[in-house]
Amino acid sequence: MATSTTAIEETDIYTVEWDAALDLPVFTWDEYAAGEAFREGARRWEEIIADRSADKYIVNTAGVTAHDDADKRWLAEEWVPDLIDKGVTRGAGVYADSAIASMEMEEVEKQLSSLDPDFEFRAFASNEEAKAWLKDQ
């Protein structure tokens, strides 16, 4: 699927691109982050989603194999509910090609999709697969 993405923000820890064809942000963790650094990045992403009135997003964690358990809880208890309150209905995660990352994303997929009947989170092996799913949503 050929789509046009434009970089809109880049730090040492993450990159944010905008996919104009699908009207959604693509967030990529370039380095492992935990605790406040992780949450600062995620909060910035939330601002970008709100500023651009996006109702879908992709988060690519292929550059990291796992997230800290406390950060996963924070995502499920605070971050994703805030996104849902702002009108986000779909999220897609892209994970690293490892058994650990695959198992973690399966857990995250179940946990996040169960938060609200109007929100669905799915995990994929590539941005292209995630974009294909989101295009059909």
Protein backbone atom coordinates (compact mmCIF):
# COMPACT_ATOMS: atom_id res chain seq x y z
CA MET A 1 0.00 0.00 0.00
CA ALA A 2 1.67 3.21 -1.14
CA THR A 3 0.84 6.09 1.13
CA SER A 4 2.45 9.41 1.71
CA THR A 5 3.81 10.11 5.19
CA THR A 6 5.40 13.31 6.39
CA ALA A 7 7.62 13.56 9.47
CA ILE A 8 6.10 16.05 11.90
CA GLU A 9 8.25 15.48 15.00
CA GLU A 10 11.44 13.61 15.80
CA THR A 11 13.27 13.17 19.09
CA ASP A 12 16.01 10.81 20.26
CA ILE A 13 13.30 8.48 21.56
CA TYR A 14 10.46 8.64 19.02
CA THR A 15 9.34 9.83 15.60
CA VAL A 16 5.88 11.03 14.59
CA GLU A 17 4.73 10.95 10.98
CA TRP A 18 1.43 11.98 9.45
CA ASP A 19 -0.15 9.72 6.85
CA ALA A 20 -2.16 12.14 4.73
CA ALA A 21 -3.84 9.41 2.69
CA LEU A 22 -5.31 7.77 5.79
CA ASP A 23 -5.51 10.97 7.87
CA LEU A 24 -3.73 9.45 10.86
CA PRO A 25 -0.51 9.70 12.86
CA VAL A 26 2.14 6.99 12.88
CA PHE A 27 4.12 6.99 16.12
CA THR A 28 7.40 5.07 16.23
CA TRP A 29 9.42 4.30 19.33
CA ASP A 30 13.02 4.57 18.10
CA GLU A 31 14.56 3.80 21.51
CA TYR A 32 13.36 2.06 24.64
CA ALA A 33 11.70 4.46 27.06
CA ALA A 34 10.18 3.84 30.48
CA GLY A 35 8.60 5.82 33.27
CA GLU A 36 8.32 9.55 32.82
CA ALA A 37 10.20 9.59 29.48
CA PHE A 38 7.71 7.04 28.10
CA ARG A 39 4.73 8.97 29.45
CA GLU A 40 5.99 12.31 28.15
CA GLY A 41 6.25 10.82 24.66
CA ALA A 42 2.79 9.30 24.87
CA ARG A 43 1.30 12.57 26.17
CA ARG A 44 2.85 14.43 23.24
CA TRP A 45 1.30 11.89 20.89
CA GLU A 46 -2.06 12.48 22.56
CA GLU A 47 -1.67 16.21 21.84
CA ILE A 48 -0.94 15.50 18.17
CA ILE A 49 -3.98 13.23 17.91
CA ALA A 50 -6.18 15.93 19.47
CA ASP A 51 -4.68 18.80 17.43
CA ARG A 52 -5.31 16.93 14.18
CA SER A 53 -8.68 15.49 15.22
CA ALA A 54 -7.50 11.97 14.41
CA ASP A 55 -9.76 9.08 15.31
CA LYS A 56 -7.20 6.36 14.48
CA TYR A 57 -3.48 5.90 15.06
CA ILE A 58 -0.57 3.52 14.59
CA VAL A 59 2.13 2.98 17.19
CA ASN A 60 5.19 1.10 16.00
CA THR A 61 7.19 -0.58 18.77
CA ALA A 62 9.33 -2.74 16.48
CA GLY A 63 12.43 -0.94 17.79
CA VAL A 64 11.81 -2.19 21.33
CA THR A 65 11.03 -5.69 22.50
CA ALA A 66 8.93 -4.94 25.58
CA HIS A 67 7.40 -2.17 27.68
CA ASP A 68 7.64 -1.80 31.43
CA ASP A 69 4.62 -3.32 33.23
CA ALA A 70 3.83 -0.05 35.02
CA ASP A 71 3.84 1.78 31.67
CA LYS A 72 1.47 -0.79 30.15
CA ARG A 73 -0.90 -0.30 33.08
CA TRP A 74 -0.70 3.48 32.63
CA LEU A 75 -1.54 3.11 28.93
CA ALA A 76 -4.59 1.00 29.71
CA GLU A 77 -5.80 2.95 32.74
CA GLU A 78 -5.12 6.53 31.63
CA TRP A 79 -3.75 7.12 28.16
CA VAL A 80 -6.12 5.06 25.98
CA PRO A 81 -9.22 6.11 27.98
CA ASP A 82 -8.18 9.74 27.38
CA LEU A 83 -7.89 9.01 23.66
CA ILE A 84 -11.31 7.37 23.64
CA ASP A 85 -12.74 10.47 25.37
CA LYS A 86 -11.27 12.52 22.52
CA GLY A 87 -13.05 10.40 19.88
CA VAL A 88 -10.38 7.85 18.97
CA THR A 89 -12.01 4.60 17.86
CA ARG A 90 -9.13 2.52 16.47
CA GLY A 91 -5.50 1.92 17.32
CA ALA A 92 -3.00 -0.35 15.63
CA GLY A 93 0.26 -1.58 17.09
CA VAL A 94 3.26 -2.82 15.14
CA TYR A 95 5.59 -5.09 17.07
CA ALA A 96 9.11 -6.46 16.73
CA ASP A 97 9.70 -9.80 15.08
CA SER A 98 10.23 -11.76 18.30
CA ALA A 99 8.27 -14.23 20.36
CA ILE A 100 8.40 -11.94 23.41
CA ALA A 101 7.10 -8.93 21.47
CA SER A 102 4.37 -11.02 19.84
CA MET A 103 3.15 -12.36 23.19
CA GLU A 104 3.24 -8.88 24.72
CA MET A 105 1.25 -7.37 21.84
CA GLU A 106 -1.38 -10.12 22.08
CA GLU A 107 -1.83 -9.21 25.75
CA VAL A 108 -1.97 -5.48 24.98
CA GLU A 109 -4.45 -6.07 22.13
CA LYS A 110 -6.87 -7.91 24.42
CA GLN A 111 -6.50 -5.46 27.27
CA LEU A 112 -6.96 -2.28 25.21
CA SER A 113 -9.79 -3.62 23.05
CA SER A 114 -11.76 -4.50 26.19
CA LEU A 115 -11.66 -0.92 27.54
CA ASP A 116 -14.63 0.40 25.57
CA PRO A 117 -17.07 -1.17 23.09
CA ASP A 118 -16.41 1.71 20.65
CA PHE A 119 -12.63 1.23 20.65
CA GLU A 120 -10.60 -1.53 19.01
CA PHE A 121 -6.85 -2.10 19.14
CA ARG A 122 -5.15 -4.61 16.86
CA ALA A 123 -1.52 -5.70 16.57
CA PHE A 124 0.34 -6.29 13.31
CA ALA A 125 3.77 -7.30 12.07
CA SER A 126 4.18 -4.23 9.81
CA ASN A 127 2.99 -0.67 9.25
CA GLU A 128 1.57 -1.78 5.90
CA GLU A 129 -0.66 -4.41 7.54
CA ALA A 130 -1.78 -1.91 10.18
CA LYS A 131 -2.58 0.69 7.50
CA ALA A 132 -4.55 -1.84 5.45
CA TRP A 133 -6.69 -2.68 8.49
CA LEU A 134 -7.22 0.96 9.45
CA LYS A 135 -8.12 1.88 5.87
CA ASP A 136 -11.07 -0.55 6.10
CA GLN A 137 -12.29 0.81 9.46
